[in-house]
Amino acid sequence: MGLPDTANLVALCNRHHRLHHLGRLGITGNADDPQGLVFTDSQGRQLTGCGRPAPPGDVTVAGTWSHPSGERLDPRWVHFKEPQPAA
């Protein structure tokens, strides 16, 4: 866990989010770089992907969304910035 910058944010399904918080899925790297994340198992072994995800299209955040715990997504606080080229 760390600061809420785009380089430190990744969308996970419920299962993988839970595994990460249980220490069974390690995630390191820069999420702003399409190849910048490294996923590891609980033993520190690097995991390989099972396919390349499709890049997101032009997404507009609209409406309201509530997490089961009652937490709400406020679109005013969702900002994305373009990935910067590696130095």
PDB file of N, CA and C in Angstrom:
ATOM      1  N   MET A   1       0.847  -1.168   0.000  1.00  0.00           N
ATOM      2  CA  MET A   1       0.000   0.000   0.000  1.00  0.00           C
ATOM      3  C   MET A   1       0.890   1.228   0.000  1.00  0.00           C
ATOM      4  N   GLY A   2       0.345   2.312  -0.516  1.00  0.00           N
ATOM      5  CA  GLY A   2       1.137   3.524  -0.593  1.00  0.00           C
ATOM      6  C   GLY A   2       0.287   4.707  -0.964  1.00  0.00           C
ATOM      7  N   LEU A   3       0.928   5.684  -1.573  1.00  0.00           N
ATOM      8  CA  LEU A   3       0.244   6.920  -1.941  1.00  0.00           C
ATOM      9  C   LEU A   3      -0.751   6.683  -3.069  1.00  0.00           C
ATOM     10  N   PRO A   4      -1.834   7.475  -3.114  1.00  0.00           N
ATOM     11  CA  PRO A   4      -2.843   7.283  -4.150  1.00  0.00           C
ATOM     12  C   PRO A   4      -2.528   8.017  -5.455  1.00  0.00           C
ATOM     13  N   ASP A   5      -1.326   7.798  -6.047  1.00  0.00           N
ATOM     14  CA  ASP A   5      -1.040   8.356  -7.371  1.00  0.00           C
ATOM     15  C   ASP A   5      -1.383   7.279  -8.395  1.00  0.00           C
ATOM     16  N   THR A   6      -1.528   7.698  -9.656  1.00  0.00           N
ATOM     17  CA  THR A   6      -1.869   6.723 -10.687  1.00  0.00           C
ATOM     18  C   THR A   6      -0.791   5.661 -10.832  1.00  0.00           C
ATOM     19  N   ALA A   7       0.471   6.005 -10.558  1.00  0.00           N
ATOM     20  CA  ALA A   7       1.554   5.023 -10.658  1.00  0.00           C
ATOM     21  C   ALA A   7       1.414   3.934  -9.605  1.00  0.00           C
ATOM     22  N   ASN A   8       0.596   4.168  -8.588  1.00  0.00           N
ATOM     23  CA  ASN A   8       0.450   3.236  -7.480  1.00  0.00           C
ATOM     24  C   ASN A   8      -0.950   2.616  -7.425  1.00  0.00           C
ATOM     25  N   LEU A   9      -1.742   2.778  -8.495  1.00  0.00           N
ATOM     26  CA  LEU A   9      -3.108   2.267  -8.495  1.00  0.00           C
ATOM     27  C   LEU A   9      -3.295   1.206  -9.573  1.00  0.00           C
ATOM     28  N   VAL A  10      -3.959   0.143  -9.215  1.00  0.00           N
ATOM     29  CA  VAL A  10      -4.283  -0.907 -10.178  1.00  0.00           C
ATOM     30  C   VAL A  10      -5.667  -1.449  -9.815  1.00  0.00           C
ATOM     31  N   ALA A  11      -6.477  -1.709 -10.830  1.00  0.00           N
ATOM     32  CA  ALA A  11      -7.809  -2.269 -10.601  1.00  0.00           C
ATOM     33  C   ALA A  11      -7.698  -3.782 -10.476  1.00  0.00           C
ATOM     34  N   LEU A  12      -8.250  -4.318  -9.420  1.00  0.00           N
ATOM     35  CA  LEU A  12      -8.229  -5.760  -9.187  1.00  0.00           C
ATOM     36  C   LEU A  12      -9.645  -6.264  -8.957  1.00  0.00           C
ATOM     37  N   CYS A  13      -9.873  -7.509  -9.311  1.00  0.00           N
ATOM     38  CA  CYS A  13     -11.146  -8.125  -8.958  1.00  0.00           C
ATOM     39  C   CYS A  13     -11.147  -8.378  -7.447  1.00  0.00           C
ATOM     40  N   ASN A  14     -12.298  -8.690  -6.906  1.00  0.00           N
ATOM     41  CA  ASN A  14     -12.415  -8.909  -5.450  1.00  0.00           C
ATOM     42  C   ASN A  14     -11.446  -9.973  -4.955  1.00  0.00           C
ATOM     43  N   ARG A  15     -11.341 -11.071  -5.694  1.00  0.00           N
ATOM     44  CA  ARG A  15     -10.475 -12.183  -5.256  1.00  0.00           C
ATOM     45  C   ARG A  15      -9.019 -11.741  -5.154  1.00  0.00           C
ATOM     46  N   HIS A  16      -8.504 -11.081  -6.193  1.00  0.00           N
ATOM     47  CA  HIS A  16      -7.096 -10.690  -6.177  1.00  0.00           C
ATOM     48  C   HIS A  16      -6.844  -9.536  -5.201  1.00  0.00           C
ATOM     49  N   HIS A  17      -7.813  -8.668  -5.005  1.00  0.00           N
ATOM     50  CA  HIS A  17      -7.686  -7.613  -4.004  1.00  0.00           C
ATOM     51  C   HIS A  17      -7.537  -8.227  -2.606  1.00  0.00           C
ATOM     52  N   ARG A  18      -8.373  -9.213  -2.324  1.00  0.00           N
ATOM     53  CA  ARG A  18      -8.313  -9.899  -1.029  1.00  0.00           C
ATOM     54  C   ARG A  18      -6.966 -10.619  -0.864  1.00  0.00           C
ATOM     55  N   LEU A  19      -6.507 -11.316  -1.911  1.00  0.00           N
ATOM     56  CA  LEU A  19      -5.219 -12.016  -1.837  1.00  0.00           C
ATOM     57  C   LEU A  19      -4.076 -11.032  -1.577  1.00  0.00           C
ATOM     58  N   HIS A  20      -4.139  -9.862  -2.194  1.00  0.00           N
ATOM     59  CA  HIS A  20      -3.090  -8.860  -1.975  1.00  0.00           C
ATOM     60  C   HIS A  20      -3.059  -8.427  -0.508  1.00  0.00           C
ATOM     61  N   HIS A  21      -4.225  -8.144   0.066  1.00  0.00           N
ATOM     62  CA  HIS A  21      -4.263  -7.698   1.462  1.00  0.00           C
ATOM     63  C   HIS A  21      -3.954  -8.818   2.449  1.00  0.00           C
ATOM     64  N   LEU A  22      -4.094 -10.059   2.028  1.00  0.00           N
ATOM     65  CA  LEU A  22      -3.719 -11.195   2.877  1.00  0.00           C
ATOM     66  C   LEU A  22      -2.236 -11.533   2.744  1.00  0.00           C
ATOM     67  N   GLY A  23      -1.523 -10.811   1.865  1.00  0.00           N
ATOM     68  CA  GLY A  23      -0.097 -11.067   1.677  1.00  0.00           C
ATOM     69  C   GLY A  23       0.188 -12.239   0.757  1.00  0.00           C
ATOM     70  N   ARG A  24      -0.813 -12.688   0.024  1.00  0.00           N
ATOM     71  CA  ARG A  24      -0.623 -13.836  -0.859  1.00  0.00           C
ATOM     72  C   ARG A  24      -0.421 -13.421  -2.310  1.00  0.00           C
ATOM     73  N   LEU A  25      -0.538 -12.121  -2.605  1.00  0.00           N
ATOM     74  CA  LEU A  25      -0.298 -11.591  -3.937  1.00  0.00           C
ATOM     75  C   LEU A  25       0.483 -10.293  -3.778  1.00  0.00           C
ATOM     76  N   GLY A  26       1.741 -10.315  -4.215  1.00  0.00           N
ATOM     77  CA  GLY A  26       2.571  -9.116  -4.154  1.00  0.00           C
ATOM     78  C   GLY A  26       2.444  -8.334  -5.450  1.00  0.00           C
ATOM     79  N   ILE A  27       2.418  -7.014  -5.340  1.00  0.00           N
ATOM     80  CA  ILE A  27       2.325  -6.151  -6.506  1.00  0.00           C
ATOM     81  C   ILE A  27       3.343  -5.032  -6.336  1.00  0.00           C
ATOM     82  N   THR A  28       4.286  -4.926  -7.276  1.00  0.00           N
ATOM     83  CA  THR A  28       5.281  -3.859  -7.238  1.00  0.00           C
ATOM     84  C   THR A  28       5.409  -3.263  -8.632  1.00  0.00           C
ATOM     85  N   GLY A  29       5.976  -2.080  -8.701  1.00  0.00           N
ATOM     86  CA  GLY A  29       6.231  -1.447  -9.982  1.00  0.00           C
ATOM     87  C   GLY A  29       5.429  -0.181 -10.177  1.00  0.00           C
ATOM     88  N   ASN A  30       5.350   0.242 -11.438  1.00  0.00           N
ATOM     89  CA  ASN A  30       4.708   1.492 -11.811  1.00  0.00           C
ATOM     90  C   ASN A  30       3.508   1.188 -12.692  1.00  0.00           C
ATOM     91  N   ALA A  31       2.305   1.411 -12.183  1.00  0.00           N
ATOM     92  CA  ALA A  31       1.084   1.108 -12.927  1.00  0.00           C
ATOM     93  C   ALA A  31       0.880   2.045 -14.112  1.00  0.00           C
ATOM     94  N   ASP A  32       1.587   3.175 -14.174  1.00  0.00           N
ATOM     95  CA  ASP A  32       1.479   4.065 -15.322  1.00  0.00           C
ATOM     96  C   ASP A  32       2.187   3.494 -16.555  1.00  0.00           C
ATOM     97  N   ASP A  33       3.088   2.546 -16.348  1.00  0.00           N
ATOM     98  CA  ASP A  33       3.794   1.883 -17.448  1.00  0.00           C
ATOM     99  C   ASP A  33       3.050   0.594 -17.767  1.00  0.00           C
ATOM    100  N   PRO A  34       2.589   0.395 -19.017  1.00  0.00           N
ATOM    101  CA  PRO A  34       1.823  -0.815 -19.343  1.00  0.00           C
ATOM    102  C   PRO A  34       2.547  -2.123 -18.993  1.00  0.00           C
ATOM    103  N   GLN A  35       3.866  -2.110 -18.989  1.00  0.00           N
ATOM    104  CA  GLN A  35       4.627  -3.306 -18.623  1.00  0.00           C
ATOM    105  C   GLN A  35       5.290  -3.141 -17.254  1.00  0.00           C
ATOM    106  N   GLY A  36       4.813  -2.179 -16.463  1.00  0.00           N
ATOM    107  CA  GLY A  36       5.520  -1.779 -15.258  1.00  0.00           C
ATOM    108  C   GLY A  36       5.181  -2.501 -13.973  1.00  0.00           C
ATOM    109  N   LEU A  37       4.209  -3.412 -13.982  1.00  0.00           N
ATOM    110  CA  LEU A  37       3.845  -4.095 -12.742  1.00  0.00           C
ATOM    111  C   LEU A  37       4.398  -5.510 -12.700  1.00  0.00           C
ATOM    112  N   VAL A  38       4.826  -5.897 -11.514  1.00  0.00           N
ATOM    113  CA  VAL A  38       5.305  -7.262 -11.282  1.00  0.00           C
ATOM    114  C   VAL A  38       4.427  -7.860 -10.191  1.00  0.00           C
ATOM    115  N   PHE A  39       3.862  -9.024 -10.463  1.00  0.00           N
ATOM    116  CA  PHE A  39       3.011  -9.729  -9.510  1.00  0.00           C
ATOM    117  C   PHE A  39       3.778 -10.944  -9.011  1.00  0.00           C
ATOM    118  N   THR A  40       3.738 -11.166  -7.697  1.00  0.00           N
ATOM    119  CA  THR A  40       4.435 -12.308  -7.101  1.00  0.00           C
ATOM    120  C   THR A  40       3.495 -13.074  -6.183  1.00  0.00           C
ATOM    121  N   ASP A  41       3.816 -14.356  -5.980  1.00  0.00           N
ATOM    122  CA  ASP A  41       3.014 -15.153  -5.053  1.00  0.00           C
ATOM    123  C   ASP A  41       3.542 -14.952  -3.634  1.00  0.00           C
ATOM    124  N   SER A  42       2.990 -15.668  -2.685  1.00  0.00           N
ATOM    125  CA  SER A  42       3.366 -15.487  -1.279  1.00  0.00           C
ATOM    126  C   SER A  42       4.810 -15.894  -1.004  1.00  0.00           C
ATOM    127  N   GLN A  43       5.428 -16.643  -1.921  1.00  0.00           N
ATOM    128  CA  GLN A  43       6.828 -17.046  -1.767  1.00  0.00           C
ATOM    129  C   GLN A  43       7.786 -16.088  -2.485  1.00  0.00           C
ATOM    130  N   GLY A  44       7.227 -15.045  -3.134  1.00  0.00           N
ATOM    131  CA  GLY A  44       8.055 -14.084  -3.853  1.00  0.00           C
ATOM    132  C   GLY A  44       8.367 -14.485  -5.290  1.00  0.00           C
ATOM    133  N   ARG A  45       7.765 -15.585  -5.765  1.00  0.00           N
ATOM    134  CA  ARG A  45       8.002 -16.029  -7.144  1.00  0.00           C
ATOM    135  C   ARG A  45       7.158 -15.190  -8.089  1.00  0.00           C
ATOM    136  N   GLN A  46       7.784 -14.718  -9.181  1.00  0.00           N
ATOM    137  CA  GLN A  46       7.071 -13.886 -10.138  1.00  0.00           C
ATOM    138  C   GLN A  46       6.024 -14.705 -10.874  1.00  0.00           C
ATOM    139  N   LEU A  47       4.828 -14.124 -10.991  1.00  0.00           N
ATOM    140  CA  LEU A  47       3.729 -14.763 -11.709  1.00  0.00           C
ATOM    141  C   LEU A  47       3.731 -14.282 -13.154  1.00  0.00           C
ATOM    142  N   THR A  48       3.352 -15.155 -14.076  1.00  0.00           N
ATOM    143  CA  THR A  48       3.248 -14.771 -15.475  1.00  0.00           C
ATOM    144  C   THR A  48       1.784 -14.584 -15.826  1.00  0.00           C
ATOM    145  N   GLY A  49       1.524 -13.714 -16.760  1.00  0.00           N
ATOM    146  CA  GLY A  49       0.154 -13.424 -17.163  1.00  0.00           C
ATOM    147  C   GLY A  49      -0.426 -14.536 -18.015  1.00  0.00           C
ATOM    148  N   CYS A  50      -1.725 -14.539 -18.110  1.00  0.00           N
ATOM    149  CA  CYS A  50      -2.398 -15.538 -18.942  1.00  0.00           C
ATOM    150  C   CYS A  50      -2.962 -14.881 -20.196  1.00  0.00           C
ATOM    151  N   GLY A  51      -2.564 -13.667 -20.470  1.00  0.00           N
ATOM    152  CA  GLY A  51      -3.020 -12.952 -21.650  1.00  0.00           C
ATOM    153  C   GLY A  51      -2.851 -11.470 -21.464  1.00  0.00           C
ATOM    154  N   ARG A  52      -2.919 -10.744 -22.547  1.00  0.00           N
ATOM    155  CA  ARG A  52      -2.763  -9.291 -22.476  1.00  0.00           C
ATOM    156  C   ARG A  52      -4.147  -8.656 -22.441  1.00  0.00           C
ATOM    157  N   PRO A  53      -4.438  -7.845 -21.419  1.00  0.00           N
ATOM    158  CA  PRO A  53      -5.755  -7.214 -21.354  1.00  0.00           C
ATOM    159  C   PRO A  53      -5.899  -6.156 -22.439  1.00  0.00           C
ATOM    160  N   ALA A  54      -7.109  -5.942 -22.865  1.00  0.00           N
ATOM    161  CA  ALA A  54      -7.385  -4.890 -23.839  1.00  0.00           C
ATOM    162  C   ALA A  54      -7.288  -3.542 -23.152  1.00  0.00           C
ATOM    163  N   PRO A  55      -6.686  -2.555 -23.808  1.00  0.00           N
ATOM    164  CA  PRO A  55      -6.614  -1.229 -23.187  1.00  0.00           C
ATOM    165  C   PRO A  55      -8.015  -0.641 -23.051  1.00  0.00           C
ATOM    166  N   PRO A  56      -8.220   0.172 -22.019  1.00  0.00           N
ATOM    167  CA  PRO A  56      -9.547   0.764 -21.843  1.00  0.00           C
ATOM    168  C   PRO A  56      -9.849   1.735 -22.966  1.00  0.00           C
ATOM    169  N   GLY A  57     -11.111   1.827 -23.323  1.00  0.00           N
ATOM    170  CA  GLY A  57     -11.542   2.793 -24.324  1.00  0.00           C
ATOM    171  C   GLY A  57     -11.769   4.137 -23.671  1.00  0.00           C
ATOM    172  N   ASP A  58     -12.485   4.981 -24.359  1.00  0.00           N
ATOM    173  CA  ASP A  58     -12.824   6.286 -23.804  1.00  0.00           C
ATOM    174  C   ASP A  58     -13.933   6.070 -22.775  1.00  0.00           C
ATOM    175  N   VAL A  59     -13.576   6.123 -21.503  1.00  0.00           N
ATOM    176  CA  VAL A  59     -14.514   5.826 -20.433  1.00  0.00           C
ATOM    177  C   VAL A  59     -14.973   7.116 -19.776  1.00  0.00           C
ATOM    178  N   THR A  60     -16.250   7.257 -19.625  1.00  0.00           N
ATOM    179  CA  THR A  60     -16.813   8.398 -18.914  1.00  0.00           C
ATOM    180  C   THR A  60     -17.398   7.881 -17.601  1.00  0.00           C
ATOM    181  N   VAL A  61     -16.986   8.506 -16.502  1.00  0.00           N
ATOM    182  CA  VAL A  61     -17.513   8.126 -15.199  1.00  0.00           C
ATOM    183  C   VAL A  61     -18.819   8.880 -15.013  1.00  0.00           C
ATOM    184  N   ALA A  62     -19.897   8.123 -14.882  1.00  0.00           N
ATOM    185  CA  ALA A  62     -21.203   8.761 -14.733  1.00  0.00           C
ATOM    186  C   ALA A  62     -22.012   8.001 -13.692  1.00  0.00           C
ATOM    187  N   GLY A  63     -22.974   8.664 -13.128  1.00  0.00           N
ATOM    188  CA  GLY A  63     -23.835   8.013 -12.152  1.00  0.00           C
ATOM    189  C   GLY A  63     -23.151   7.877 -10.809  1.00  0.00           C
ATOM    190  N   THR A  64     -23.731   7.062  -9.965  1.00  0.00           N
ATOM    191  CA  THR A  64     -23.156   6.834  -8.648  1.00  0.00           C
ATOM    192  C   THR A  64     -22.868   5.359  -8.475  1.00  0.00           C
ATOM    193  N   TRP A  65     -21.931   5.060  -7.659  1.00  0.00           N
ATOM    194  CA  TRP A  65     -21.558   3.697  -7.350  1.00  0.00           C
ATOM    195  C   TRP A  65     -21.336   3.617  -5.858  1.00  0.00           C
ATOM    196  N   SER A  66     -21.851   2.572  -5.234  1.00  0.00           N
ATOM    197  CA  SER A  66     -21.643   2.378  -3.805  1.00  0.00           C
ATOM    198  C   SER A  66     -21.022   1.017  -3.567  1.00  0.00           C
ATOM    199  N   HIS A  67     -19.961   1.002  -2.792  1.00  0.00           N
ATOM    200  CA  HIS A  67     -19.305  -0.232  -2.387  1.00  0.00           C
ATOM    201  C   HIS A  67     -20.220  -0.938  -1.390  1.00  0.00           C
ATOM    202  N   PRO A  68     -20.141  -2.270  -1.299  1.00  0.00           N
ATOM    203  CA  PRO A  68     -20.987  -2.971  -0.327  1.00  0.00           C
ATOM    204  C   PRO A  68     -20.850  -2.451   1.104  1.00  0.00           C
ATOM    205  N   SER A  69     -19.678  -1.885   1.432  1.00  0.00           N
ATOM    206  CA  SER A  69     -19.497  -1.351   2.788  1.00  0.00           C
ATOM    207  C   SER A  69     -20.124   0.033   2.942  1.00  0.00           C
ATOM    208  N   GLY A  70     -20.675   0.581   1.828  1.00  0.00           N
ATOM    209  CA  GLY A  70     -21.289   1.900   1.884  1.00  0.00           C
ATOM    210  C   GLY A  70     -20.404   3.003   1.340  1.00  0.00           C
ATOM    211  N   GLU A  71     -19.120   2.708   1.068  1.00  0.00           N
ATOM    212  CA  GLU A  71     -18.208   3.703   0.520  1.00  0.00           C
ATOM    213  C   GLU A  71     -18.672   4.083  -0.886  1.00  0.00           C
ATOM    214  N   ARG A  72     -18.630   5.379  -1.197  1.00  0.00           N
ATOM    215  CA  ARG A  72     -19.096   5.844  -2.499  1.00  0.00           C
ATOM    216  C   ARG A  72     -17.934   6.340  -3.351  1.00  0.00           C
ATOM    217  N   LEU A  73     -18.061   6.157  -4.669  1.00  0.00           N
ATOM    218  CA  LEU A  73     -17.095   6.698  -5.618  1.00  0.00           C
ATOM    219  C   LEU A  73     -17.582   8.068  -6.046  1.00  0.00           C
ATOM    220  N   ASP A  74     -16.781   9.077  -5.808  1.00  0.00           N
ATOM    221  CA  ASP A  74     -17.126  10.428  -6.217  1.00  0.00           C
ATOM    222  C   ASP A  74     -16.305  10.757  -7.461  1.00  0.00           C
ATOM    223  N   PRO A  75     -16.935  10.876  -8.643  1.00  0.00           N
ATOM    224  CA  PRO A  75     -16.193  11.113  -9.881  1.00  0.00           C
ATOM    225  C   PRO A  75     -15.330  12.366  -9.861  1.00  0.00           C
ATOM    226  N   ARG A  76     -15.621  13.307  -8.975  1.00  0.00           N
ATOM    227  CA  ARG A  76     -14.779  14.514  -8.893  1.00  0.00           C
ATOM    228  C   ARG A  76     -13.362  14.189  -8.457  1.00  0.00           C
ATOM    229  N   TRP A  77     -13.151  13.044  -7.812  1.00  0.00           N
ATOM    230  CA  TRP A  77     -11.836  12.696  -7.290  1.00  0.00           C
ATOM    231  C   TRP A  77     -11.132  11.658  -8.144  1.00  0.00           C
ATOM    232  N   VAL A  78     -11.697  11.318  -9.295  1.00  0.00           N
ATOM    233  CA  VAL A  78     -11.068  10.349 -10.192  1.00  0.00           C
ATOM    234  C   VAL A  78     -10.368  11.122 -11.301  1.00  0.00           C
ATOM    235  N   HIS A  79      -9.047  11.048 -11.336  1.00  0.00           N
ATOM    236  CA  HIS A  79      -8.244  11.749 -12.341  1.00  0.00           C
ATOM    237  C   HIS A  79      -7.225  10.775 -12.919  1.00  0.00           C
ATOM    238  N   PHE A  80      -7.067  10.805 -14.206  1.00  0.00           N
ATOM    239  CA  PHE A  80      -6.081   9.959 -14.858  1.00  0.00           C
ATOM    240  C   PHE A  80      -5.114  10.847 -15.611  1.00  0.00           C
ATOM    241  N   LYS A  81      -3.851  10.465 -15.621  1.00  0.00           N
ATOM    242  CA  LYS A  81      -2.878  11.220 -16.410  1.00  0.00           C
ATOM    243  C   LYS A  81      -2.198  10.264 -17.370  1.00  0.00           C
ATOM    244  N   GLU A  82      -1.741  10.802 -18.483  1.00  0.00           N
ATOM    245  CA  GLU A  82      -1.095   9.985 -19.508  1.00  0.00           C
ATOM    246  C   GLU A  82       0.215   9.411 -18.958  1.00  0.00           C
ATOM    247  N   PRO A  83       0.545   8.154 -19.319  1.00  0.00           N
ATOM    248  CA  PRO A  83       1.832   7.583 -18.880  1.00  0.00           C
ATOM    249  C   PRO A  83       2.989   8.408 -19.438  1.00  0.00           C
ATOM    250  N   GLN A  84       3.993   8.595 -18.630  1.00  0.00           N
ATOM    251  CA  GLN A  84       5.185   9.327 -19.052  1.00  0.00           C
ATOM    252  C   GLN A  84       6.208   8.343 -19.615  1.00  0.00           C
ATOM    253  N   PRO A  85       6.927   8.716 -20.684  1.00  0.00           N
ATOM    254  CA  PRO A  85       7.931   7.806 -21.217  1.00  0.00           C
ATOM    255  C   PRO A  85       9.031   7.547 -20.183  1.00  0.00           C
ATOM    256  N   ALA A  86       9.543   6.327 -20.206  1.00  0.00           N
ATOM    257  CA  ALA A  86      10.612   5.956 -19.264  1.00  0.00           C
ATOM    258  C   ALA A  86      11.847   6.807 -19.545  1.00  0.00           C
ATOM    259  N   ALA A  87      12.490   7.236 -18.476  1.00  0.00           N
ATOM    260  CA  ALA A  87      13.687   8.094 -18.628  1.00  0.00           C
ATOM    261  C   ALA A  87      14.899   7.271 -18.961  1.00  0.00           C
TER     262      ALA A  87
END
